[in-house]
Amino acid sequence: MKLEVSIQKKLRAFTLDASFTVENEVFALLGASGCGKSMTLKCIAGLETPDNGRIALNGRVLYDRAQGINLPPQKRHIGYLFQDFALFPNMTIAENIAFAARGTKEEKNQLVEENLRRFGLTEQRGARPAELSGGQQQRAALARILASDAELLLLDEPFSALDSYLRWQLELELRDVLKQYEGTALFVSHDRGEVYRLADRAGVIDRGRLQSVQETRQLFAAPGTVAATVLTGCKNISHAKKKEAQLIYASDWNLPLHTAATVLDDVSAAAIRAHFLEPRSFADEADNTFPMEILQVIEDTFSIILMTRPLGTDARPIRWEIQKATWEELKGCPLYLHFPPDKIMLLSE
């Protein structure tokens, strides 16, 4: 199932401009709150109308401003999982699922039973949404979508209303659902972990502009832009200038850094993830290893976060995250940190 999207829509603070193609995969839009990712889903579903552009699903045009086409939501054959699940409050869970099911009465009944079993809701079939937990409501909403035989699944922050334990349980269930689903699924999230674990490809939206559409693991390995790097969770970012083909100067850290990748002329920043830094026993600038001082020691649940900076400077702090056992071994010793050249991400604005 192929989804083609190229739309523009003026919003209050910026213009949403999103163009991408998705086919038989799980595709994620990663972005901060208010960046336009949910609006993109609403335009695809027909709940909002773009100002310009085109949307097609498997060759069927859903919206085309130039041709004057704008199918209503009920004719788009799209399953939309809202953040609040949008179950009918006056219907039982079985009735909610049956409402969306297609086919003869017998086929509808079969779909209801299959999806009640699939999502562990058989005992709750006669309950109304208000009688269910948040996790049960989400499973019921997914069951209703799948019973509708939707050609496309749209998931809008599917775990945002749940506590951490339920989020994980529902994520596992959703993984199974998406593996069995033969169509295309598109979901939006501001949680980089969800995107990394669930999506085949992902794109970053920053103030309405879609950028850095890549295979998910490649996006996290080389985000390409400062905005994408921030959204993928990197805390260590510095302004940078090209010095040589494989050498930059990271001005916020006061460090010259050798890189594995060739430095392009448009590079304006560099980044490295906190867990990629490595301790060494001595300094060696040619090997990207520098003496550091520790500014703060922060104990997290399962790790130690060290805020460091190059010794004798007033540089911007660099975050280093290590296991607690490693910290116990290093505590009290002079600190030298190695910046692996192949882990330095070169960025443009």
Protein backbone atom coordinates (compact mmCIF):
# COMPACT_ATOMS: atom_id res chain seq x y z
CA MET A 1 0.00 0.00 0.00
CA LYS A 2 1.58 3.25 -1.16
CA LEU A 3 0.92 6.66 0.40
CA GLU A 4 2.10 9.78 -1.41
CA VAL A 5 1.98 13.10 0.43
CA SER A 6 2.98 16.57 -0.73
CA ILE A 7 1.11 19.29 1.17
CA GLN A 8 1.42 22.82 2.46
CA LYS A 9 -0.76 24.45 5.11
CA LYS A 10 -0.35 27.84 6.79
CA LEU A 11 -0.45 27.51 10.55
CA ARG A 12 -0.29 30.23 13.18
CA ALA A 13 3.49 30.40 13.61
CA PHE A 14 4.79 28.70 10.44
CA THR A 15 3.79 26.92 7.25
CA LEU A 16 3.59 23.14 7.29
CA ASP A 17 5.48 21.77 4.28
CA ALA A 18 5.62 17.97 4.15
CA SER A 19 6.47 15.74 1.21
CA PHE A 20 7.14 12.01 1.52
CA THR A 21 6.19 8.61 0.13
CA VAL A 22 5.51 5.54 2.28
CA GLU A 23 4.95 2.00 1.00
CA ASN A 24 4.29 -1.19 2.99
CA GLU A 25 6.28 -0.03 6.00
CA VAL A 26 6.04 1.66 9.35
CA PHE A 27 6.95 5.31 8.94
CA ALA A 28 7.34 7.75 11.82
CA LEU A 29 7.27 11.52 12.07
CA LEU A 30 9.44 12.65 14.97
CA GLY A 31 9.08 16.15 16.32
CA ALA A 32 8.50 18.39 19.30
CA SER A 33 5.02 19.39 20.44
CA GLY A 34 3.42 21.89 18.08
CA CYS A 35 5.78 21.20 15.15
CA GLY A 36 3.02 20.12 12.73
CA LYS A 37 3.28 16.32 12.90
CA SER A 38 -0.30 15.72 14.14
CA MET A 39 -1.61 18.25 11.62
CA THR A 40 0.05 16.18 8.90
CA LEU A 41 -1.94 13.11 10.00
CA LYS A 42 -5.18 15.10 10.15
CA CYS A 43 -4.67 16.33 6.60
CA ILE A 44 -4.08 12.76 5.40
CA ALA A 45 -7.19 11.54 7.22
CA GLY A 46 -9.33 14.37 5.83
CA LEU A 47 -9.97 15.98 9.22
CA GLU A 48 -8.09 19.09 8.09
CA THR A 49 -7.66 20.52 4.59
CA PRO A 50 -4.26 21.60 3.26
CA ASP A 51 -3.93 24.92 1.47
CA ASN A 52 -2.18 23.25 -1.41
CA GLY A 53 -0.76 19.93 -2.59
CA ARG A 54 -1.78 16.35 -3.21
CA ILE A 55 -2.41 13.15 -1.22
CA ALA A 56 -2.84 9.75 -2.88
CA LEU A 57 -3.29 6.27 -1.41
CA ASN A 58 -2.39 3.34 -3.65
CA GLY A 59 -3.06 5.47 -6.72
CA ARG A 60 -6.42 6.73 -5.42
CA VAL A 61 -6.38 10.52 -5.04
CA LEU A 62 -7.65 11.62 -1.64
CA TYR A 63 -6.82 15.29 -2.03
CA ASP A 64 -5.63 17.41 -4.93
CA ARG A 65 -6.01 21.17 -4.78
CA ALA A 66 -5.34 21.64 -8.51
CA GLN A 67 -8.01 19.07 -9.48
CA GLY A 68 -10.50 20.14 -6.83
CA ILE A 69 -10.51 16.70 -5.15
CA ASN A 70 -11.03 16.42 -1.38
CA LEU A 71 -12.58 13.12 -0.27
CA PRO A 72 -14.40 13.16 3.09
CA PRO A 73 -12.83 11.08 5.90
CA GLN A 74 -15.35 8.24 5.62
CA LYS A 75 -14.37 7.64 1.97
CA ARG A 76 -10.63 7.54 2.55
CA HIS A 77 -10.54 4.04 4.19
CA ILE A 78 -8.05 5.19 6.79
CA GLY A 79 -7.84 4.01 10.39
CA TYR A 80 -6.96 6.84 12.78
CA LEU A 81 -5.95 6.19 16.39
CA PHE A 82 -6.49 9.43 18.29
CA GLN A 83 -4.58 10.37 21.44
CA ASP A 84 -7.83 10.13 23.44
CA PHE A 85 -8.88 6.92 21.55
CA ALA A 86 -12.29 8.46 20.52
CA LEU A 87 -14.39 5.43 21.44
CA PHE A 88 -18.16 5.91 21.45
CA PRO A 89 -18.98 6.32 25.16
CA ASN A 90 -22.57 5.02 24.87
CA MET A 91 -21.52 1.76 23.17
CA THR A 92 -19.96 -1.37 24.61
CA ILE A 93 -16.51 -2.39 23.44
CA ALA A 94 -18.01 -5.09 21.20
CA GLU A 95 -20.41 -2.54 19.72
CA ASN A 96 -17.57 -0.08 19.10
CA ILE A 97 -15.69 -2.72 17.14
CA ALA A 98 -18.80 -3.87 15.28
CA PHE A 99 -19.59 -0.28 14.26
CA ALA A 100 -16.37 -0.11 12.23
CA ALA A 101 -16.45 -3.66 10.85
CA ARG A 102 -17.37 -4.30 7.23
CA GLY A 103 -19.16 -7.18 5.56
CA THR A 104 -22.20 -9.30 6.27
CA LYS A 105 -23.59 -9.68 9.79
CA GLU A 106 -21.77 -13.00 10.14
CA GLU A 107 -18.48 -11.50 8.88
CA LYS A 108 -18.83 -8.55 11.26
CA ASN A 109 -19.43 -10.86 14.20
CA GLN A 110 -16.35 -12.86 13.26
CA LEU A 111 -14.22 -9.70 13.06
CA VAL A 112 -15.47 -8.59 16.47
CA GLU A 113 -14.60 -11.93 18.06
CA GLU A 114 -11.18 -12.09 16.37
CA ASN A 115 -10.20 -8.63 17.54
CA LEU A 116 -11.55 -9.08 21.05
CA ARG A 117 -9.32 -12.15 21.35
CA ARG A 118 -6.33 -10.50 19.68
CA PHE A 119 -6.31 -7.63 22.18
CA GLY A 120 -7.32 -9.60 25.27
CA LEU A 121 -10.71 -7.89 25.59
CA THR A 122 -13.08 -10.84 25.53
CA GLU A 123 -14.05 -10.38 29.18
CA GLN A 124 -14.60 -6.65 28.61
CA ARG A 125 -16.82 -7.06 25.55
CA GLY A 126 -19.90 -5.76 27.40
CA ALA A 127 -18.13 -2.89 29.18
CA ARG A 128 -18.36 0.74 28.12
CA PRO A 129 -15.18 2.79 27.55
CA ALA A 130 -15.45 4.66 30.85
CA GLU A 131 -15.25 1.33 32.69
CA LEU A 132 -11.89 0.42 31.14
CA SER A 133 -8.34 1.40 32.00
CA GLY A 134 -6.34 3.59 29.63
CA GLY A 135 -4.51 0.56 28.27
CA GLN A 136 -7.74 -1.34 27.65
CA GLN A 137 -9.25 1.68 25.90
CA GLN A 138 -6.25 1.87 23.60
CA ARG A 139 -6.48 -1.83 22.77
CA ALA A 140 -10.18 -1.38 22.02
CA ALA A 141 -9.42 1.54 19.71
CA LEU A 142 -6.82 -0.53 17.85
CA ALA A 143 -9.26 -3.44 17.62
CA ARG A 144 -11.86 -1.13 16.08
CA ILE A 145 -9.39 0.20 13.51
CA LEU A 146 -8.26 -3.28 12.41
CA ALA A 147 -11.85 -4.50 12.15
CA SER A 148 -12.54 -1.69 9.67
CA ASP A 149 -10.09 -3.20 7.16
CA ALA A 150 -8.37 0.18 6.87
CA GLU A 151 -5.93 0.60 3.98
CA LEU A 152 -3.71 2.87 6.08
CA LEU A 153 -3.11 3.17 9.82
CA LEU A 154 -2.47 6.58 11.35
CA LEU A 155 -1.31 6.56 14.97
CA ASP A 156 -1.20 9.91 16.74
CA GLU A 157 1.11 9.70 19.80
CA PRO A 158 -0.36 6.24 20.57
CA PHE A 159 1.21 5.92 24.03
CA SER A 160 1.06 9.49 25.32
CA ALA A 161 -1.84 8.93 27.71
CA LEU A 162 -0.34 5.89 29.44
CA ASP A 163 2.04 5.36 32.34
CA SER A 164 5.48 3.89 31.65
CA TYR A 165 4.54 0.27 32.40
CA LEU A 166 1.43 0.35 30.20
CA ARG A 167 3.33 2.20 27.47
CA TRP A 168 5.77 -0.70 27.24
CA GLN A 169 3.06 -3.38 27.29
CA LEU A 170 1.09 -1.60 24.57
CA GLU A 171 4.21 -0.99 22.52
CA LEU A 172 4.90 -4.73 22.51
CA GLU A 173 1.33 -5.42 21.41
CA LEU A 174 1.50 -2.74 18.73
CA ARG A 175 4.72 -4.29 17.38
CA ASP A 176 2.86 -7.57 16.88
CA VAL A 177 -0.08 -5.77 15.25
CA LEU A 178 2.16 -3.90 12.83
CA LYS A 179 4.03 -7.08 11.90
CA GLN A 180 0.74 -8.77 10.98
CA TYR A 181 -0.70 -5.73 9.23
CA GLU A 182 -0.13 -5.94 5.49
CA GLY A 183 -0.65 -2.26 4.73
CA THR A 184 1.19 0.93 5.59
CA ALA A 185 1.32 2.53 9.03
CA LEU A 186 2.28 6.10 9.86
CA PHE A 187 2.69 7.31 13.41
CA VAL A 188 3.82 10.51 15.06
CA SER A 189 5.74 10.78 18.30
CA HIS A 190 8.08 13.03 20.26
CA ASP A 191 9.57 9.93 21.93
CA ARG A 192 12.77 9.02 20.09
CA GLY A 193 12.86 5.54 21.70
CA GLU A 194 9.44 4.62 20.31
CA VAL A 195 10.46 5.81 16.86
CA TYR A 196 13.74 3.88 16.96
CA ARG A 197 12.09 0.65 18.07
CA LEU A 198 8.97 0.71 15.88
CA ALA A 199 9.68 2.54 12.62
CA ASP A 200 11.37 1.25 9.48
CA ARG A 201 11.96 4.82 8.33
CA ALA A 202 11.51 8.15 10.02
CA GLY A 203 11.44 11.83 9.24
CA VAL A 204 12.04 14.79 11.51
CA ILE A 205 9.62 17.73 11.49
CA ASP A 206 10.95 21.05 12.75
CA ARG A 207 8.51 23.99 12.77
CA GLY A 208 6.49 22.48 9.96
CA ARG A 209 9.40 21.57 7.72
CA LEU A 210 10.03 17.89 7.08
CA GLN A 211 13.71 17.03 6.98
CA SER A 212 16.07 14.08 7.33
CA VAL A 213 13.82 11.27 6.04
CA GLN A 214 15.97 8.16 6.34
CA GLU A 215 16.01 4.58 7.54
CA THR A 216 15.54 4.92 11.27
CA ARG A 217 18.93 3.62 12.38
CA GLN A 218 20.70 5.75 9.82
CA LEU A 219 18.78 8.81 11.01
CA PHE A 220 20.05 8.29 14.55
CA ALA A 221 23.59 7.55 13.36
CA ALA A 222 23.80 10.62 11.11
CA PRO A 223 20.91 13.06 11.65
CA GLY A 224 22.49 15.65 9.36
CA THR A 225 21.00 18.80 10.90
CA VAL A 226 21.08 20.39 14.33
CA ALA A 227 17.29 20.14 14.71
CA ALA A 228 17.27 16.43 13.84
CA THR A 229 20.17 15.77 16.21
CA VAL A 230 18.36 17.44 19.11
CA LEU A 231 15.16 15.51 18.40
CA THR A 232 17.03 12.20 18.26
CA GLY A 233 18.21 12.86 21.81
CA CYS A 234 21.81 14.03 21.49
CA LYS A 235 22.84 16.41 24.30
CA ASN A 236 26.37 17.27 23.13
CA ILE A 237 26.29 19.75 20.25
CA SER A 238 28.86 22.44 19.46
CA HIS A 239 29.36 25.04 16.77
CA ALA A 240 32.11 23.84 14.48
CA LYS A 241 34.31 25.00 11.61
CA LYS A 242 36.12 23.00 8.98
CA LYS A 243 39.91 23.10 9.40
CA GLU A 244 40.99 20.27 7.10
CA ALA A 245 39.36 17.44 5.14
CA GLN A 246 38.96 15.41 8.32
CA LEU A 247 39.50 17.99 11.04
CA ILE A 248 37.13 20.47 12.68
CA TYR A 249 37.35 22.95 15.51
CA ALA A 250 34.43 22.58 17.95
CA SER A 251 34.34 26.13 19.32
CA ASP A 252 31.88 25.58 22.19
CA TRP A 253 34.14 22.84 23.55
CA ASN A 254 37.48 24.48 22.64
CA LEU A 255 38.56 21.23 20.96
CA PRO A 256 40.12 20.29 17.62
CA LEU A 257 38.55 17.01 16.56
CA HIS A 258 39.58 14.54 13.88
CA THR A 259 36.64 12.96 12.07
CA ALA A 260 36.17 9.71 10.20
CA ALA A 261 33.84 11.38 7.72
CA THR A 262 35.04 13.98 5.23
CA VAL A 263 34.17 17.48 6.43
CA LEU A 264 32.04 19.37 3.90
CA ASP A 265 32.20 23.12 3.48
CA ASP A 266 28.69 23.68 4.85
CA VAL A 267 29.38 22.00 8.21
CA SER A 268 28.38 24.39 11.01
CA ALA A 269 28.11 22.09 14.03
CA ALA A 270 29.31 18.80 15.46
CA ALA A 271 27.79 16.40 17.97
CA ILE A 272 28.57 13.24 19.87
CA ARG A 273 26.26 11.11 21.99
CA ALA A 274 27.03 10.92 25.71
CA HIS A 275 27.53 7.14 25.80
CA PHE A 276 30.06 7.12 22.92
CA LEU A 277 32.78 8.96 24.82
CA GLU A 278 35.53 6.67 26.14
CA PRO A 279 37.91 7.00 29.12
CA ARG A 280 41.65 6.86 28.50
CA SER A 281 44.74 6.86 30.73
CA PHE A 282 46.56 9.76 29.04
CA ALA A 283 46.00 12.70 26.67
CA ASP A 284 46.75 12.49 22.95
CA GLU A 285 45.34 15.33 20.83
CA ALA A 286 46.16 13.49 17.61
CA ASP A 287 43.94 10.66 18.86
CA ASN A 288 41.09 12.96 19.98
CA THR A 289 41.89 12.34 23.65
CA PHE A 290 41.87 15.29 26.04
CA PRO A 291 42.26 15.97 29.78
CA MET A 292 38.90 16.83 31.33
CA GLU A 293 37.58 18.20 34.58
CA ILE A 294 34.33 17.03 36.19
CA LEU A 295 31.81 19.77 36.96
CA GLN A 296 28.92 17.65 38.22
CA VAL A 297 28.24 14.02 39.07
CA ILE A 298 24.56 13.11 38.63
CA GLU A 299 23.29 9.70 39.64
CA ASP A 300 20.54 8.42 37.35
CA THR A 301 18.50 5.25 37.85
CA PHE A 302 21.00 2.86 36.27
CA SER A 303 23.90 5.09 35.24
CA ILE A 304 26.09 8.02 36.20
CA ILE A 305 25.95 11.26 34.23
CA LEU A 306 29.14 13.31 34.35
CA MET A 307 29.14 16.93 33.23
CA THR A 308 32.71 17.57 32.06
CA ARG A 309 34.74 20.13 30.13
CA PRO A 310 38.30 20.37 28.80
CA LEU A 311 40.68 21.00 31.69
CA GLY A 312 41.57 24.65 32.29
CA THR A 313 38.86 26.10 30.02
CA ASP A 314 35.45 27.71 30.44
CA ALA A 315 34.02 25.61 27.60
CA ARG A 316 30.42 24.46 27.39
CA PRO A 317 29.94 21.31 29.51
CA ILE A 318 30.02 17.95 27.76
CA ARG A 319 27.73 15.20 29.02
CA TRP A 320 29.23 11.74 29.51
CA GLU A 321 27.08 8.81 30.61
CA ILE A 322 28.56 5.59 32.01
CA GLN A 323 27.60 2.55 34.05
CA LYS A 324 27.79 2.93 37.83
CA ALA A 325 30.40 0.18 38.08
CA THR A 326 32.62 2.03 35.59
CA TRP A 327 32.36 5.20 37.67
CA GLU A 328 33.45 3.34 40.78
CA GLU A 329 36.59 2.22 38.94
CA LEU A 330 37.40 5.71 37.64
CA LYS A 331 36.47 7.78 40.68
CA GLY A 332 39.41 9.80 41.99
CA CYS A 333 41.63 9.23 38.93
CA PRO A 334 42.64 11.94 36.42
CA LEU A 335 40.11 11.95 33.59
CA TYR A 336 40.99 11.79 29.91
CA LEU A 337 38.16 11.44 27.39
CA HIS A 338 38.46 10.02 23.88
CA PHE A 339 36.14 11.29 21.14
CA PRO A 340 35.95 8.41 18.61
CA PRO A 341 36.26 9.96 15.11
CA ASP A 342 33.60 7.64 13.69
CA LYS A 343 31.10 8.75 16.36
CA ILE A 344 31.41 12.48 15.66
CA MET A 345 28.33 13.67 13.75
CA LEU A 346 28.86 16.53 11.32
CA LEU A 347 25.87 18.84 11.01
CA SER A 348 24.46 21.71 9.03
CA GLU A 349 21.76 24.12 10.11
